[in-house]
């Protein structure tokens, strides 16, 4: 009998198509320059071109409220089921509601 190695389950497992981007949108600079105010509603949209401060894929498409700022990152409160969770993420991973 052959001993098989257990498959790893890292943070980006199964995200080959979830985190892929269209060719023309890979190299834009404007998402890094976005500014958000406290209590502003945003949608979590992980940008795979920037791994720094990228939220977990389970929060992709979740809407939340900006609660504050920490350095260059924003603190976003998201509802996950019945719990409220806070995500610290950069502006390149957030999209203002209504500008989808």
PDB file of N, CA and C in Angstrom:
ATOM      1  N   UNK A   1       0.844  -1.184   0.000  1.00  0.00           N
ATOM      2  CA  UNK A   1       0.000   0.000   0.000  1.00  0.00           C
ATOM      3  C   UNK A   1       0.889   1.246   0.000  1.00  0.00           C
ATOM      4  N   UNK A   2       0.508   2.233  -0.800  1.00  0.00           N
ATOM      5  CA  UNK A   2       1.276   3.472  -0.919  1.00  0.00           C
ATOM      6  C   UNK A   2       0.713   4.505   0.045  1.00  0.00           C
ATOM      7  N   UNK A   3       1.610   5.125   0.802  1.00  0.00           N
ATOM      8  CA  UNK A   3       1.170   6.209   1.698  1.00  0.00           C
ATOM      9  C   UNK A   3       1.085   7.496   0.896  1.00  0.00           C
ATOM     10  N   UNK A   4      -0.092   8.045   0.808  1.00  0.00           N
ATOM     11  CA  UNK A   4      -0.302   9.285   0.060  1.00  0.00           C
ATOM     12  C   UNK A   4      -0.120  10.476   0.989  1.00  0.00           C
ATOM     13  N   UNK A   5       0.371  11.551   0.424  1.00  0.00           N
ATOM     14  CA  UNK A   5       0.551  12.776   1.185  1.00  0.00           C
ATOM     15  C   UNK A   5      -0.772  13.524   1.222  1.00  0.00           C
ATOM     16  N   UNK A   6      -1.108  14.050   2.378  1.00  0.00           N
ATOM     17  CA  UNK A   6      -2.359  14.787   2.529  1.00  0.00           C
ATOM     18  C   UNK A   6      -2.252  16.126   1.800  1.00  0.00           C
ATOM     19  N   UNK A   7      -3.290  16.487   1.046  1.00  0.00           N
ATOM     20  CA  UNK A   7      -3.302  17.740   0.295  1.00  0.00           C
ATOM     21  C   UNK A   7      -3.318  18.924   1.253  1.00  0.00           C
ATOM     22  N   UNK A   8      -2.523  19.940   0.932  1.00  0.00           N
ATOM     23  CA  UNK A   8      -2.484  21.122   1.788  1.00  0.00           C
ATOM     24  C   UNK A   8      -3.766  21.928   1.624  1.00  0.00           C
ATOM     25  N   UNK A   9      -4.126  22.624   2.654  1.00  0.00           N
ATOM     26  CA  UNK A   9      -5.342  23.457   2.640  1.00  0.00           C
ATOM     27  C   UNK A   9      -4.959  24.874   3.044  1.00  0.00           C
ATOM     28  N   UNK A  10      -4.220  25.557   2.192  1.00  0.00           N
ATOM     29  CA  UNK A  10      -3.783  26.917   2.480  1.00  0.00           C
ATOM     30  C   UNK A  10      -4.906  27.924   2.295  1.00  0.00           C
ATOM     31  N   UNK A  11      -4.594  29.202   2.490  1.00  0.00           N
ATOM     32  CA  UNK A  11      -5.607  30.261   2.412  1.00  0.00           C
ATOM     33  C   UNK A  11      -6.145  30.437   0.997  1.00  0.00           C
ATOM     34  N   UNK A  12      -5.338  30.123  -0.032  1.00  0.00           N
ATOM     35  CA  UNK A  12      -5.764  30.365  -1.410  1.00  0.00           C
ATOM     36  C   UNK A  12      -6.138  29.079  -2.141  1.00  0.00           C
ATOM     37  N   UNK A  13      -6.434  28.023  -1.407  1.00  0.00           N
ATOM     38  CA  UNK A  13      -6.814  26.756  -2.013  1.00  0.00           C
ATOM     39  C   UNK A  13      -8.142  26.907  -2.752  1.00  0.00           C
ATOM     40  N   UNK A  14      -8.194  26.464  -4.002  1.00  0.00           N
ATOM     41  CA  UNK A  14      -9.424  26.489  -4.796  1.00  0.00           C
ATOM     42  C   UNK A  14      -9.805  27.858  -5.307  1.00  0.00           C
ATOM     43  N   UNK A  15      -8.852  28.760  -5.448  1.00  0.00           N
ATOM     44  CA  UNK A  15      -9.179  30.121  -5.862  1.00  0.00           C
ATOM     45  C   UNK A  15      -8.630  30.458  -7.248  1.00  0.00           C
ATOM     46  N   UNK A  16      -8.310  29.454  -8.049  1.00  0.00           N
ATOM     47  CA  UNK A  16      -7.704  29.729  -9.348  1.00  0.00           C
ATOM     48  C   UNK A  16      -8.580  30.622 -10.213  1.00  0.00           C
ATOM     49  N   UNK A  17      -9.870  30.372 -10.214  1.00  0.00           N
ATOM     50  CA  UNK A  17     -10.775  31.194 -11.031  1.00  0.00           C
ATOM     51  C   UNK A  17     -11.424  32.315 -10.229  1.00  0.00           C
ATOM     52  N   UNK A  18     -11.563  32.119  -8.934  1.00  0.00           N
ATOM     53  CA  UNK A  18     -12.175  33.159  -8.102  1.00  0.00           C
ATOM     54  C   UNK A  18     -11.344  34.431  -8.087  1.00  0.00           C
ATOM     55  N   UNK A  19     -10.026  34.289  -8.027  1.00  0.00           N
ATOM     56  CA  UNK A  19      -9.154  35.451  -7.908  1.00  0.00           C
ATOM     57  C   UNK A  19      -8.528  35.871  -9.237  1.00  0.00           C
ATOM     58  N   UNK A  20      -8.939  35.246 -10.347  1.00  0.00           N
ATOM     59  CA  UNK A  20      -8.376  35.646 -11.635  1.00  0.00           C
ATOM     60  C   UNK A  20      -8.989  36.977 -12.067  1.00  0.00           C
ATOM     61  N   UNK A  21      -8.232  37.710 -12.878  1.00  0.00           N
ATOM     62  CA  UNK A  21      -8.680  39.029 -13.319  1.00  0.00           C
ATOM     63  C   UNK A  21      -8.547  39.139 -14.829  1.00  0.00           C
ATOM     64  N   UNK A  22      -9.337  40.017 -15.426  1.00  0.00           N
ATOM     65  CA  UNK A  22      -9.227  40.290 -16.851  1.00  0.00           C
ATOM     66  C   UNK A  22      -7.885  40.967 -17.121  1.00  0.00           C
ATOM     67  N   UNK A  23      -7.325  40.730 -18.283  1.00  0.00           N
ATOM     68  CA  UNK A  23      -5.979  41.215 -18.592  1.00  0.00           C
ATOM     69  C   UNK A  23      -5.862  42.725 -18.463  1.00  0.00           C
ATOM     70  N   UNK A  24      -6.823  43.482 -18.968  1.00  0.00           N
ATOM     71  CA  UNK A  24      -6.738  44.941 -18.959  1.00  0.00           C
ATOM     72  C   UNK A  24      -6.896  45.535 -17.562  1.00  0.00           C
ATOM     73  N   UNK A  25      -7.478  44.786 -16.628  1.00  0.00           N
ATOM     74  CA  UNK A  25      -7.694  45.337 -15.291  1.00  0.00           C
ATOM     75  C   UNK A  25      -6.611  44.905 -14.294  1.00  0.00           C
ATOM     76  N   UNK A  26      -5.574  44.242 -14.776  1.00  0.00           N
ATOM     77  CA  UNK A  26      -4.540  43.747 -13.870  1.00  0.00           C
ATOM     78  C   UNK A  26      -3.630  44.842 -13.342  1.00  0.00           C
ATOM     79  N   UNK A  27      -3.398  45.878 -14.125  1.00  0.00           N
ATOM     80  CA  UNK A  27      -2.329  46.807 -13.803  1.00  0.00           C
ATOM     81  C   UNK A  27      -2.814  48.222 -13.492  1.00  0.00           C
ATOM     82  N   UNK A  28      -4.054  48.394 -13.064  1.00  0.00           N
ATOM     83  CA  UNK A  28      -4.557  49.735 -12.789  1.00  0.00           C
ATOM     84  C   UNK A  28      -4.069  50.219 -11.420  1.00  0.00           C
ATOM     85  N   UNK A  29      -3.822  51.502 -11.311  1.00  0.00           N
ATOM     86  CA  UNK A  29      -3.284  52.088 -10.086  1.00  0.00           C
ATOM     87  C   UNK A  29      -4.385  52.711  -9.231  1.00  0.00           C
ATOM     88  N   UNK A  30      -5.497  53.102  -9.824  1.00  0.00           N
ATOM     89  CA  UNK A  30      -6.527  53.860  -9.110  1.00  0.00           C
ATOM     90  C   UNK A  30      -7.110  53.171  -7.879  1.00  0.00           C
ATOM     91  N   UNK A  31      -7.247  51.843  -7.808  1.00  0.00           N
ATOM     92  CA  UNK A  31      -7.816  51.267  -6.578  1.00  0.00           C
ATOM     93  C   UNK A  31      -6.987  51.560  -5.334  1.00  0.00           C
ATOM     94  N   UNK A  32      -5.686  51.775  -5.484  1.00  0.00           N
ATOM     95  CA  UNK A  32      -4.823  52.039  -4.339  1.00  0.00           C
ATOM     96  C   UNK A  32      -5.021  53.453  -3.798  1.00  0.00           C
ATOM     97  N   UNK A  33      -5.613  54.339  -4.595  1.00  0.00           N
ATOM     98  CA  UNK A  33      -5.769  55.742  -4.216  1.00  0.00           C
ATOM     99  C   UNK A  33      -7.154  56.067  -3.672  1.00  0.00           C
ATOM    100  N   UNK A  34      -8.021  55.073  -3.557  1.00  0.00           N
ATOM    101  CA  UNK A  34      -9.382  55.331  -3.076  1.00  0.00           C
ATOM    102  C   UNK A  34      -9.365  55.781  -1.622  1.00  0.00           C
ATOM    103  N   UNK A  35     -10.297  56.651  -1.302  1.00  0.00           N
ATOM    104  CA  UNK A  35     -10.464  57.144   0.067  1.00  0.00           C
ATOM    105  C   UNK A  35     -11.882  56.805   0.527  1.00  0.00           C
ATOM    106  N   UNK A  36     -12.004  56.380   1.759  1.00  0.00           N
ATOM    107  CA  UNK A  36     -13.305  56.054   2.328  1.00  0.00           C
ATOM    108  C   UNK A  36     -13.468  56.795   3.648  1.00  0.00           C
ATOM    109  N   UNK A  37     -14.691  57.202   3.941  1.00  0.00           N
ATOM    110  CA  UNK A  37     -15.008  57.864   5.196  1.00  0.00           C
ATOM    111  C   UNK A  37     -15.585  56.839   6.164  1.00  0.00           C
ATOM    112  N   UNK A  38     -15.586  57.167   7.443  1.00  0.00           N
ATOM    113  CA  UNK A  38     -16.207  56.310   8.443  1.00  0.00           C
ATOM    114  C   UNK A  38     -17.707  56.223   8.165  1.00  0.00           C
ATOM    115  N   UNK A  39     -18.289  55.084   8.437  1.00  0.00           N
ATOM    116  CA  UNK A  39     -19.711  54.786   8.230  1.00  0.00           C
ATOM    117  C   UNK A  39     -20.089  54.686   6.749  1.00  0.00           C
ATOM    118  N   UNK A  40     -19.136  54.625   5.855  1.00  0.00           N
ATOM    119  CA  UNK A  40     -19.436  54.458   4.426  1.00  0.00           C
ATOM    120  C   UNK A  40     -19.580  52.969   4.118  1.00  0.00           C
ATOM    121  N   UNK A  41     -20.571  52.642   3.275  1.00  0.00           N
ATOM    122  CA  UNK A  41     -20.805  51.242   2.911  1.00  0.00           C
ATOM    123  C   UNK A  41     -19.904  50.846   1.753  1.00  0.00           C
ATOM    124  N   UNK A  42     -19.301  49.660   1.862  1.00  0.00           N
ATOM    125  CA  UNK A  42     -18.378  49.168   0.847  1.00  0.00           C
ATOM    126  C   UNK A  42     -18.648  47.690   0.574  1.00  0.00           C
ATOM    127  N   UNK A  43     -18.142  47.212  -0.554  1.00  0.00           N
ATOM    128  CA  UNK A  43     -18.199  45.800  -0.914  1.00  0.00           C
ATOM    129  C   UNK A  43     -16.774  45.275  -0.901  1.00  0.00           C
ATOM    130  N   UNK A  44     -16.579  44.113  -0.283  1.00  0.00           N
ATOM    131  CA  UNK A  44     -15.258  43.495  -0.223  1.00  0.00           C
ATOM    132  C   UNK A  44     -15.024  42.762  -1.544  1.00  0.00           C
ATOM    133  N   UNK A  45     -13.980  43.178  -2.255  1.00  0.00           N
ATOM    134  CA  UNK A  45     -13.648  42.596  -3.548  1.00  0.00           C
ATOM    135  C   UNK A  45     -12.138  42.393  -3.608  1.00  0.00           C
ATOM    136  N   UNK A  46     -11.641  41.202  -3.193  1.00  0.00           N
ATOM    137  CA  UNK A  46     -10.201  40.977  -3.149  1.00  0.00           C
ATOM    138  C   UNK A  46      -9.539  41.173  -4.510  1.00  0.00           C
ATOM    139  N   UNK A  47      -8.488  41.973  -4.533  1.00  0.00           N
ATOM    140  CA  UNK A  47      -7.723  42.243  -5.747  1.00  0.00           C
ATOM    141  C   UNK A  47      -6.484  41.361  -5.697  1.00  0.00           C
ATOM    142  N   UNK A  48      -6.416  40.351  -6.558  1.00  0.00           N
ATOM    143  CA  UNK A  48      -5.333  39.376  -6.496  1.00  0.00           C
ATOM    144  C   UNK A  48      -3.992  39.952  -6.926  1.00  0.00           C
ATOM    145  N   UNK A  49      -3.979  41.133  -7.536  1.00  0.00           N
ATOM    146  CA  UNK A  49      -2.713  41.751  -7.921  1.00  0.00           C
ATOM    147  C   UNK A  49      -1.960  42.251  -6.693  1.00  0.00           C
ATOM    148  N   UNK A  50      -2.664  42.470  -5.601  1.00  0.00           N
ATOM    149  CA  UNK A  50      -2.042  42.938  -4.364  1.00  0.00           C
ATOM    150  C   UNK A  50      -2.376  41.956  -3.253  1.00  0.00           C
ATOM    151  N   UNK A  51      -1.384  41.212  -2.789  1.00  0.00           N
ATOM    152  CA  UNK A  51      -1.631  40.242  -1.726  1.00  0.00           C
ATOM    153  C   UNK A  51      -1.600  40.891  -0.359  1.00  0.00           C
ATOM    154  N   UNK A  52      -1.019  42.082  -0.266  1.00  0.00           N
ATOM    155  CA  UNK A  52      -0.884  42.769   1.014  1.00  0.00           C
ATOM    156  C   UNK A  52      -2.259  43.178   1.535  1.00  0.00           C
ATOM    157  N   UNK A  53      -2.628  42.693   2.689  1.00  0.00           N
ATOM    158  CA  UNK A  53      -3.897  43.066   3.308  1.00  0.00           C
ATOM    159  C   UNK A  53      -5.116  42.498   2.607  1.00  0.00           C
ATOM    160  N   UNK A  54      -4.941  41.393   1.870  1.00  0.00           N
ATOM    161  CA  UNK A  54      -6.079  40.822   1.144  1.00  0.00           C
ATOM    162  C   UNK A  54      -6.957  40.022   2.101  1.00  0.00           C
ATOM    163  N   UNK A  55      -8.261  40.294   2.121  1.00  0.00           N
ATOM    164  CA  UNK A  55      -9.153  39.540   3.007  1.00  0.00           C
ATOM    165  C   UNK A  55      -9.343  38.118   2.491  1.00  0.00           C
ATOM    166  N   UNK A  56      -9.810  37.237   3.352  1.00  0.00           N
ATOM    167  CA  UNK A  56     -10.044  35.841   2.973  1.00  0.00           C
ATOM    168  C   UNK A  56     -11.127  35.776   1.898  1.00  0.00           C
ATOM    169  N   UNK A  57     -11.059  34.754   1.068  1.00  0.00           N
ATOM    170  CA  UNK A  57     -11.978  34.626  -0.066  1.00  0.00           C
ATOM    171  C   UNK A  57     -13.424  34.460   0.396  1.00  0.00           C
ATOM    172  N   UNK A  58     -13.626  33.977   1.630  1.00  0.00           N
ATOM    173  CA  UNK A  58     -15.009  33.805   2.104  1.00  0.00           C
ATOM    174  C   UNK A  58     -15.751  35.134   2.220  1.00  0.00           C
ATOM    175  N   UNK A  59     -15.011  36.233   2.305  1.00  0.00           N
ATOM    176  CA  UNK A  59     -15.638  37.556   2.408  1.00  0.00           C
ATOM    177  C   UNK A  59     -15.830  38.215   1.042  1.00  0.00           C
ATOM    178  N   UNK A  60     -15.512  37.532  -0.059  1.00  0.00           N
ATOM    179  CA  UNK A  60     -15.664  38.100  -1.402  1.00  0.00           C
ATOM    180  C   UNK A  60     -17.134  38.418  -1.669  1.00  0.00           C
ATOM    181  N   UNK A  61     -17.410  39.647  -2.033  1.00  0.00           N
ATOM    182  CA  UNK A  61     -18.773  40.070  -2.348  1.00  0.00           C
ATOM    183  C   UNK A  61     -19.587  40.512  -1.145  1.00  0.00           C
ATOM    184  N   UNK A  62     -19.024  40.397   0.041  1.00  0.00           N
ATOM    185  CA  UNK A  62     -19.756  40.803   1.249  1.00  0.00           C
ATOM    186  C   UNK A  62     -19.769  42.322   1.359  1.00  0.00           C
ATOM    187  N   UNK A  63     -20.896  42.852   1.796  1.00  0.00           N
ATOM    188  CA  UNK A  63     -20.967  44.300   2.000  1.00  0.00           C
ATOM    189  C   UNK A  63     -20.778  44.581   3.482  1.00  0.00           C
ATOM    190  N   UNK A  64     -20.158  45.709   3.749  1.00  0.00           N
ATOM    191  CA  UNK A  64     -19.885  46.066   5.128  1.00  0.00           C
ATOM    192  C   UNK A  64     -19.822  47.565   5.303  1.00  0.00           C
ATOM    193  N   UNK A  65     -19.467  47.976   6.500  1.00  0.00           N
ATOM    194  CA  UNK A  65     -19.399  49.388   6.855  1.00  0.00           C
ATOM    195  C   UNK A  65     -17.984  49.694   7.329  1.00  0.00           C
ATOM    196  N   UNK A  66     -17.410  50.775   6.807  1.00  0.00           N
ATOM    197  CA  UNK A  66     -16.084  51.203   7.240  1.00  0.00           C
ATOM    198  C   UNK A  66     -16.211  51.791   8.639  1.00  0.00           C
ATOM    199  N   UNK A  67     -15.456  51.230   9.596  1.00  0.00           N
ATOM    200  CA  UNK A  67     -15.517  51.695  10.982  1.00  0.00           C
ATOM    201  C   UNK A  67     -14.374  52.628  11.339  1.00  0.00           C
ATOM    202  N   UNK A  68     -13.290  52.558  10.592  1.00  0.00           N
ATOM    203  CA  UNK A  68     -12.159  53.430  10.916  1.00  0.00           C
ATOM    204  C   UNK A  68     -10.995  53.142   9.987  1.00  0.00           C
ATOM    205  N   UNK A  69      -9.865  53.760  10.309  1.00  0.00           N
ATOM    206  CA  UNK A  69      -8.674  53.608   9.495  1.00  0.00           C
ATOM    207  C   UNK A  69      -7.504  53.256  10.393  1.00  0.00           C
ATOM    208  N   UNK A  70      -6.633  52.374   9.917  1.00  0.00           N
ATOM    209  CA  UNK A  70      -5.441  51.980  10.654  1.00  0.00           C
ATOM    210  C   UNK A  70      -4.267  52.020   9.695  1.00  0.00           C
ATOM    211  N   UNK A  71      -3.489  53.074   9.749  1.00  0.00           N
ATOM    212  CA  UNK A  71      -2.411  53.257   8.780  1.00  0.00           C
ATOM    213  C   UNK A  71      -3.009  53.545   7.411  1.00  0.00           C
ATOM    214  N   UNK A  72      -2.614  52.782   6.411  1.00  0.00           N
ATOM    215  CA  UNK A  72      -3.200  52.918   5.079  1.00  0.00           C
ATOM    216  C   UNK A  72      -4.407  52.009   4.893  1.00  0.00           C
ATOM    217  N   UNK A  73      -4.679  51.136   5.859  1.00  0.00           N
ATOM    218  CA  UNK A  73      -5.764  50.154   5.744  1.00  0.00           C
ATOM    219  C   UNK A  73      -7.033  50.673   6.407  1.00  0.00           C
ATOM    220  N   UNK A  74      -8.141  50.006   6.082  1.00  0.00           N
ATOM    221  CA  UNK A  74      -9.439  50.356   6.648  1.00  0.00           C
ATOM    222  C   UNK A  74      -9.971  49.194   7.467  1.00  0.00           C
ATOM    223  N   UNK A  75     -10.677  49.523   8.531  1.00  0.00           N
ATOM    224  CA  UNK A  75     -11.334  48.514   9.357  1.00  0.00           C
ATOM    225  C   UNK A  75     -12.784  48.454   8.903  1.00  0.00           C
ATOM    226  N   UNK A  76     -13.197  47.297   8.406  1.00  0.00           N
ATOM    227  CA  UNK A  76     -14.533  47.115   7.846  1.00  0.00           C
ATOM    228  C   UNK A  76     -15.279  46.090   8.686  1.00  0.00           C
ATOM    229  N   UNK A  77     -16.507  46.410   9.052  1.00  0.00           N
ATOM    230  CA  UNK A  77     -17.344  45.480   9.801  1.00  0.00           C
ATOM    231  C   UNK A  77     -18.276  44.771   8.823  1.00  0.00           C
ATOM    232  N   UNK A  78     -18.187  43.435   8.810  1.00  0.00           N
ATOM    233  CA  UNK A  78     -18.951  42.607   7.873  1.00  0.00           C
ATOM    234  C   UNK A  78     -19.785  41.623   8.676  1.00  0.00           C
ATOM    235  N   UNK A  79     -20.971  41.321   8.193  1.00  0.00           N
ATOM    236  CA  UNK A  79     -21.810  40.327   8.847  1.00  0.00           C
ATOM    237  C   UNK A  79     -21.560  38.974   8.175  1.00  0.00           C
ATOM    238  N   UNK A  80     -21.135  37.987   8.967  1.00  0.00           N
ATOM    239  CA  UNK A  80     -20.867  36.632   8.476  1.00  0.00           C
ATOM    240  C   UNK A  80     -21.827  35.690   9.182  1.00  0.00           C
ATOM    241  N   UNK A  81     -22.943  35.404   8.522  1.00  0.00           N
ATOM    242  CA  UNK A  81     -23.996  34.642   9.177  1.00  0.00           C
ATOM    243  C   UNK A  81     -24.689  35.529  10.194  1.00  0.00           C
ATOM    244  N   UNK A  82     -24.670  35.125  11.458  1.00  0.00           N
ATOM    245  CA  UNK A  82     -25.262  35.934  12.524  1.00  0.00           C
ATOM    246  C   UNK A  82     -24.226  36.731  13.298  1.00  0.00           C
ATOM    247  N   UNK A  83     -22.937  36.555  12.946  1.00  0.00           N
ATOM    248  CA  UNK A  83     -21.869  37.246  13.662  1.00  0.00           C
ATOM    249  C   UNK A  83     -21.403  38.473  12.901  1.00  0.00           C
ATOM    250  N   UNK A  84     -20.951  39.467  13.630  1.00  0.00           N
ATOM    251  CA  UNK A  84     -20.310  40.622  13.017  1.00  0.00           C
ATOM    252  C   UNK A  84     -18.812  40.443  13.163  1.00  0.00           C
ATOM    253  N   UNK A  85     -18.094  40.544  12.044  1.00  0.00           N
ATOM    254  CA  UNK A  85     -16.650  40.371  12.051  1.00  0.00           C
ATOM    255  C   UNK A  85     -15.991  41.623  11.506  1.00  0.00           C
ATOM    256  N   UNK A  86     -14.789  41.894  11.968  1.00  0.00           N
ATOM    257  CA  UNK A  86     -14.047  43.040  11.469  1.00  0.00           C
ATOM    258  C   UNK A  86     -12.894  42.558  10.605  1.00  0.00           C
ATOM    259  N   UNK A  87     -12.720  43.223   9.468  1.00  0.00           N
ATOM    260  CA  UNK A  87     -11.658  42.908   8.526  1.00  0.00           C
ATOM    261  C   UNK A  87     -10.778  44.152   8.417  1.00  0.00           C
ATOM    262  N   UNK A  88      -9.479  43.968   8.498  1.00  0.00           N
ATOM    263  CA  UNK A  88      -8.544  45.055   8.243  1.00  0.00           C
ATOM    264  C   UNK A  88      -7.963  44.826   6.860  1.00  0.00           C
ATOM    265  N   UNK A  89      -8.268  45.710   5.922  1.00  0.00           N
ATOM    266  CA  UNK A  89      -7.877  45.505   4.537  1.00  0.00           C
ATOM    267  C   UNK A  89      -7.523  46.823   3.866  1.00  0.00           C
ATOM    268  N   UNK A  90      -6.751  46.738   2.809  1.00  0.00           N
ATOM    269  CA  UNK A  90      -6.342  47.927   2.074  1.00  0.00           C
ATOM    270  C   UNK A  90      -7.439  48.442   1.159  1.00  0.00           C
ATOM    271  N   UNK A  91      -7.304  49.664   0.669  1.00  0.00           N
ATOM    272  CA  UNK A  91      -8.349  50.256  -0.178  1.00  0.00           C
ATOM    273  C   UNK A  91      -8.492  49.560  -1.529  1.00  0.00           C
ATOM    274  N   UNK A  92      -7.456  48.848  -1.987  1.00  0.00           N
ATOM    275  CA  UNK A  92      -7.541  48.170  -3.282  1.00  0.00           C
ATOM    276  C   UNK A  92      -8.470  46.965  -3.247  1.00  0.00           C
ATOM    277  N   UNK A  93      -8.854  46.510  -2.042  1.00  0.00           N
ATOM    278  CA  UNK A  93      -9.746  45.367  -1.895  1.00  0.00           C
ATOM    279  C   UNK A  93     -11.172  45.791  -1.556  1.00  0.00           C
ATOM    280  N   UNK A  94     -11.455  47.087  -1.634  1.00  0.00           N
ATOM    281  CA  UNK A  94     -12.789  47.596  -1.307  1.00  0.00           C
ATOM    282  C   UNK A  94     -13.343  48.388  -2.491  1.00  0.00           C
ATOM    283  N   UNK A  95     -14.661  48.278  -2.691  1.00  0.00           N
ATOM    284  CA  UNK A  95     -15.355  49.019  -3.754  1.00  0.00           C
ATOM    285  C   UNK A  95     -16.526  49.753  -3.117  1.00  0.00           C
ATOM    286  N   UNK A  96     -16.702  51.044  -3.382  1.00  0.00           N
ATOM    287  CA  UNK A  96     -17.855  51.744  -2.814  1.00  0.00           C
ATOM    288  C   UNK A  96     -19.176  51.155  -3.332  1.00  0.00           C
ATOM    289  N   UNK A  97     -20.188  51.082  -2.484  1.00  0.00           N
ATOM    290  CA  UNK A  97     -21.488  50.562  -2.905  1.00  0.00           C
ATOM    291  C   UNK A  97     -22.058  51.496  -3.962  1.00  0.00           C
ATOM    292  N   UNK A  98     -22.568  50.911  -5.037  1.00  0.00           N
ATOM    293  CA  UNK A  98     -23.139  51.707  -6.118  1.00  0.00           C
ATOM    294  C   UNK A  98     -22.170  51.945  -7.258  1.00  0.00           C
ATOM    295  N   UNK A  99     -20.908  51.549  -7.090  1.00  0.00           N
ATOM    296  CA  UNK A  99     -19.925  51.706  -8.157  1.00  0.00           C
ATOM    297  C   UNK A  99     -19.344  50.366  -8.581  1.00  0.00           C
ATOM    298  N   UNK A 100     -20.144  49.277  -8.331  1.00  0.00           N
ATOM    299  CA  UNK A 100     -19.786  47.889  -8.559  1.00  0.00           C
ATOM    300  C   UNK A 100     -18.948  47.592  -9.686  1.00  0.00           C
TER     301      UNK A 100
END
